[in-house]
C-alpha atoms as a PDB file:
ATOM      1  CA  MET A   1     112.322  87.762 125.373  1.00  0.00           C
ATOM      2  CA  ILE A   2     115.303  85.638 124.376  1.00  0.00           C
ATOM      3  CA  LEU A   3     115.207  83.704 121.120  1.00  0.00           C
ATOM      4  CA  GLU A   4     117.528  80.731 121.419  1.00  0.00           C
ATOM      5  CA  LEU A   5     118.539  80.001 117.842  1.00  0.00           C
ATOM      6  CA  PRO A   6     120.180  76.608 117.290  1.00  0.00           C
ATOM      7  CA  GLY A   7     123.552  76.991 115.601  1.00  0.00           C
ATOM      8  CA  GLN A   8     123.471  80.798 115.930  1.00  0.00           C
ATOM      9  CA  HIS A   9     123.687  83.525 118.532  1.00  0.00           C
ATOM     10  CA  ASN A  10     120.707  84.150 120.772  1.00  0.00           C
ATOM     11  CA  ILE A  11     118.639  87.271 120.177  1.00  0.00           C
ATOM     12  CA  GLU A  12     117.376  89.163 123.204  1.00  0.00           C
ATOM     13  CA  LEU A  13     114.475  91.499 122.490  1.00  0.00           C
ATOM     14  CA  HIS A  14     112.879  94.118 124.745  1.00  0.00           C
ATOM     15  CA  HIS A  15     111.502  96.745 122.347  1.00  0.00           C
ATOM     16  CA  ALA A  16     109.279  96.454 119.275  1.00  0.00           C
ATOM     17  CA  VAL A  17     109.384  99.465 116.965  1.00  0.00           C
ATOM     18  CA  PHE A  18     106.723  99.747 114.281  1.00  0.00           C
ATOM     19  CA  ASP A  19     106.389 101.968 111.265  1.00  0.00           C
ATOM     20  CA  MET A  20     102.811 103.246 111.111  1.00  0.00           C
ATOM     21  CA  ASN A  21     101.671 104.047 107.566  1.00  0.00           C
ATOM     22  CA  GLY A  22     101.920 101.124 105.180  1.00  0.00           C
ATOM     23  CA  THR A  23     102.694  98.765 108.061  1.00  0.00           C
ATOM     24  CA  LEU A  24     100.091  99.188 110.819  1.00  0.00           C
ATOM     25  CA  ALA A  25      97.829 101.496 108.843  1.00  0.00           C
ATOM     26  CA  LYS A  26      96.590 102.311 105.370  1.00  0.00           C
ATOM     27  CA  ASP A  27      95.904 105.965 104.601  1.00  0.00           C
ATOM     28  CA  GLY A  28      96.350 106.733 108.305  1.00  0.00           C
ATOM     29  CA  GLU A  29      93.710 104.245 109.498  1.00  0.00           C
ATOM     30  CA  LEU A  30      94.717 101.146 111.460  1.00  0.00           C
ATOM     31  CA  LEU A  31      94.291  97.901 109.541  1.00  0.00           C
ATOM     32  CA  ASP A  32      91.843  95.221 110.688  1.00  0.00           C
ATOM     33  CA  GLY A  33      93.181  93.115 113.535  1.00  0.00           C
ATOM     34  CA  VAL A  34      96.030  95.477 114.453  1.00  0.00           C
ATOM     35  CA  THR A  35      94.524  96.948 117.630  1.00  0.00           C
ATOM     36  CA  THR A  36      93.851  93.622 119.364  1.00  0.00           C
ATOM     37  CA  LEU A  37      97.137  92.016 118.330  1.00  0.00           C
ATOM     38  CA  LEU A  38      99.222  95.076 119.159  1.00  0.00           C
ATOM     39  CA  HIS A  39      97.715  95.159 122.644  1.00  0.00           C
ATOM     40  CA  GLN A  40      98.824  91.539 123.077  1.00  0.00           C
ATOM     41  CA  VAL A  41     102.303  92.283 121.737  1.00  0.00           C
ATOM     42  CA  SER A  42     102.603  95.199 124.179  1.00  0.00           C
ATOM     43  CA  GLN A  43     102.325  92.675 127.030  1.00  0.00           C
ATOM     44  CA  ARG A  44     105.633  91.112 125.865  1.00  0.00           C
ATOM     45  CA  TYR A  45     107.572  94.049 124.413  1.00  0.00           C
ATOM     46  CA  ILE A  46     107.845  97.764 125.056  1.00  0.00           C
ATOM     47  CA  CYS A  47     106.141  99.026 121.894  1.00  0.00           C
ATOM     48  CA  HIS A  48     106.912 102.187 119.951  1.00  0.00           C
ATOM     49  CA  ILE A  49     105.322 103.546 116.773  1.00  0.00           C
ATOM     50  CA  LEU A  50     107.182 105.885 114.415  1.00  0.00           C
ATOM     51  CA  THR A  51     105.514 107.834 111.641  1.00  0.00           C
ATOM     52  CA  GLY A  52     105.964 110.729 109.273  1.00  0.00           C
ATOM     53  CA  ASP A  53     102.252 111.339 109.991  1.00  0.00           C
ATOM     54  CA  THR A  54     101.470 111.864 106.314  1.00  0.00           C
ATOM     55  CA  PHE A  55      97.729 111.576 107.008  1.00  0.00           C
ATOM     56  CA  GLY A  56      97.674 113.531 110.280  1.00  0.00           C
ATOM     57  CA  THR A  57      96.335 110.639 112.380  1.00  0.00           C
ATOM     58  CA  ALA A  58      99.250 110.028 114.775  1.00  0.00           C
ATOM     59  CA  LEU A  59      97.471 111.502 117.794  1.00  0.00           C
ATOM     60  CA  SER A  60      94.241 109.560 117.224  1.00  0.00           C
ATOM     61  CA  VAL A  61      96.189 106.317 116.707  1.00  0.00           C
ATOM     62  CA  GLN A  62      98.116 106.944 119.918  1.00  0.00           C
ATOM     63  CA  LYS A  63      94.851 107.502 121.809  1.00  0.00           C
ATOM     64  CA  GLU A  64      93.275 104.360 120.326  1.00  0.00           C
ATOM     65  CA  LEU A  65      96.249 102.108 121.045  1.00  0.00           C
ATOM     66  CA  GLY A  66      97.648 103.634 124.218  1.00  0.00           C
ATOM     67  CA  ILE A  67     101.121 103.185 122.722  1.00  0.00           C
ATOM     68  CA  PRO A  68     103.473 106.121 122.148  1.00  0.00           C
ATOM     69  CA  VAL A  69     103.472 107.408 118.572  1.00  0.00           C
ATOM     70  CA  THR A  70     106.465 109.548 117.668  1.00  0.00           C
ATOM     71  CA  VAL A  71     106.427 111.756 114.577  1.00  0.00           C
ATOM     72  CA  VAL A  72     109.716 111.641 112.685  1.00  0.00           C
ATOM     73  CA  SER A  73     110.703 113.377 109.483  1.00  0.00           C
ATOM     74  CA  SER A  74     113.141 110.855 108.007  1.00  0.00           C
ATOM     75  CA  GLY A  75     114.586 107.383 108.036  1.00  0.00           C
ATOM     76  CA  ASP A  76     117.649 108.797 109.775  1.00  0.00           C
ATOM     77  CA  GLU A  77     115.430 109.898 112.664  1.00  0.00           C
ATOM     78  CA  LYS A  78     113.991 106.376 112.833  1.00  0.00           C
ATOM     79  CA  ALA A  79     117.521 104.958 112.970  1.00  0.00           C
ATOM     80  CA  LYS A  80     118.500 107.374 115.745  1.00  0.00           C
ATOM     81  CA  TYR A  81     115.387 106.464 117.742  1.00  0.00           C
ATOM     82  CA  VAL A  82     116.139 102.736 117.466  1.00  0.00           C
ATOM     83  CA  THR A  83     119.816 103.243 118.308  1.00  0.00           C
ATOM     84  CA  GLU A  84     118.873 105.123 121.479  1.00  0.00           C
ATOM     85  CA  LEU A  85     116.784 102.119 122.607  1.00  0.00           C
ATOM     86  CA  GLY A  86     119.846  99.863 122.511  1.00  0.00           C
ATOM     87  CA  THR A  87     120.572  96.544 120.871  1.00  0.00           C
ATOM     88  CA  ASN A  88     117.435  94.646 121.893  1.00  0.00           C
ATOM     89  CA  VAL A  89     115.026  95.931 119.241  1.00  0.00           C
ATOM     90  CA  VAL A  90     112.797  94.194 116.741  1.00  0.00           C
ATOM     91  CA  ALA A  91     111.826  96.591 113.947  1.00  0.00           C
ATOM     92  CA  VAL A  92     108.734  96.111 111.786  1.00  0.00           C
ATOM     93  CA  GLY A  93     108.227  98.177 108.658  1.00  0.00           C
ATOM     94  CA  ASN A  94     107.702  98.244 104.917  1.00  0.00           C
ATOM     95  CA  GLY A  95     109.074 101.441 103.438  1.00  0.00           C
ATOM     96  CA  PHE A  96     112.312 102.845 102.106  1.00  0.00           C
ATOM     97  CA  ASN A  97     112.575 105.084 105.180  1.00  0.00           C
ATOM     98  CA  ASP A  98     112.520 101.958 107.402  1.00  0.00           C
ATOM     99  CA  TYR A  99     115.835 100.748 105.973  1.00  0.00           C
ATOM    100  CA  PRO A 100     117.936 102.891 108.363  1.00  0.00           C
ATOM    101  CA  MET A 101     116.119 101.594 111.464  1.00  0.00           C
ATOM    102  CA  PHE A 102     116.469  98.036 110.163  1.00  0.00           C
ATOM    103  CA  GLN A 103     120.238  98.527 110.035  1.00  0.00           C
ATOM    104  CA  ASN A 104     120.227  99.259 113.779  1.00  0.00           C
ATOM    105  CA  SER A 105     117.846  96.472 114.896  1.00  0.00           C
ATOM    106  CA  ALA A 106     118.554  93.006 116.268  1.00  0.00           C
ATOM    107  CA  LEU A 107     115.603  91.545 114.339  1.00  0.00           C
ATOM    108  CA  LYS A 108     114.042  92.995 111.206  1.00  0.00           C
ATOM    109  CA  ILE A 109     110.556  92.053 109.971  1.00  0.00           C
ATOM    110  CA  VAL A 110     109.442  93.547 106.690  1.00  0.00           C
ATOM    111  CA  VAL A 111     105.714  93.578 105.946  1.00  0.00           C
ATOM    112  CA  LEU A 112     104.214  93.215 102.495  1.00  0.00           C
ATOM    113  CA  GLY A 113     101.673  95.905 103.241  1.00  0.00           C
ATOM    114  CA  PRO A 114      98.972  97.848 101.433  1.00  0.00           C
ATOM    115  CA  GLU A 115     101.493 100.480 100.256  1.00  0.00           C
ATOM    116  CA  GLY A 116     103.860  97.873  98.863  1.00  0.00           C
ATOM    117  CA  THR A 117     107.325  97.120 100.192  1.00  0.00           C
ATOM    118  CA  SER A 118     110.671  98.768  99.541  1.00  0.00           C
ATOM    119  CA  GLY A 119     113.100  96.418  97.800  1.00  0.00           C
ATOM    120  CA  LYS A 120     116.011  97.961  99.701  1.00  0.00           C
ATOM    121  CA  THR A 121     114.329  97.343 103.063  1.00  0.00           C
ATOM    122  CA  LEU A 122     113.303  93.855 101.973  1.00  0.00           C
ATOM    123  CA  SER A 123     116.945  93.098 101.125  1.00  0.00           C
ATOM    124  CA  ILE A 124     118.095  93.316 104.767  1.00  0.00           C
ATOM    125  CA  ALA A 125     115.037  91.838 106.481  1.00  0.00           C
ATOM    126  CA  ASP A 126     115.423  88.727 108.613  1.00  0.00           C
ATOM    127  CA  ILE A 127     111.781  87.783 108.071  1.00  0.00           C
ATOM    128  CA  VAL A 128     109.246  88.698 105.386  1.00  0.00           C
ATOM    129  CA  ALA A 129     105.631  88.710 106.587  1.00  0.00           C
ATOM    130  CA  PRO A 130     102.753  88.728 104.096  1.00  0.00           C
ATOM    131  CA  SER A 131     100.751  91.059 106.368  1.00  0.00           C
ATOM    132  CA  ILE A 132     100.980  92.976 109.625  1.00  0.00           C
ATOM    133  CA  VAL A 133      98.675  90.419 111.226  1.00  0.00           C
ATOM    134  CA  VAL A 134     101.183  87.655 110.457  1.00  0.00           C
ATOM    135  CA  ALA A 135     104.062  89.824 111.724  1.00  0.00           C
ATOM    136  CA  LEU A 136     102.264  90.536 115.012  1.00  0.00           C
ATOM    137  CA  GLU A 137     101.358  86.867 115.420  1.00  0.00           C
ATOM    138  CA  LEU A 138     105.044  85.974 114.945  1.00  0.00           C
ATOM    139  CA  LEU A 139     105.970  88.322 117.782  1.00  0.00           C
ATOM    140  CA  LEU A 140     103.446  86.504 119.970  1.00  0.00           C
ATOM    141  CA  SER A 141     104.917  83.100 119.112  1.00  0.00           C
ATOM    142  CA  PRO A 142     108.623  82.790 119.910  1.00  0.00           C
ATOM    143  CA  GLN A 143     108.617  79.208 118.618  1.00  0.00           C
ATOM    144  CA  ARG A 144     107.496  80.422 115.175  1.00  0.00           C
ATOM    145  CA  LEU A 145     110.283  83.002 115.159  1.00  0.00           C
ATOM    146  CA  ILE A 146     112.817  80.348 116.119  1.00  0.00           C
ATOM    147  CA  ALA A 147     111.517  77.964 113.444  1.00  0.00           C
ATOM    148  CA  THR A 148     111.896  80.695 110.814  1.00  0.00           C
ATOM    149  CA  LEU A 149     115.335  81.890 111.928  1.00  0.00           C
ATOM    150  CA  ARG A 150     117.108  78.655 112.867  1.00  0.00           C
ATOM    151  CA  SER A 151     120.032  77.541 110.765  1.00  0.00           C
END
């Protein structure tokens, strides 16, 4: 997808990388509405989920969603993962360990999730979403993204 931003550079996006706990899930369980919306988003983007797997649910979430879930041990691993995907990544997260992957992403959406939101990660976000449902809906509506990002 290409976001044509008036008065700015265009943003081309191919991959969507999501933090799991605190963003897509609370206490390891997917939040209401995530499954349906994430399936829709996966029709437009190649989706990836990264998690420290604090609650041990990565495998069950992967089975439920049919989207790869990769267990990582640090924010630096998240950054490396995003960097290896290239420059066409939208990152969605909420935590302190999402800051490094945000630094390497073309578009950064921070979610005000059930675990709270890291101030450091919030400080470099392009968009702040009040929930994961709103963030996923933004990814399904390029015109909304353009309206939010235009200069």
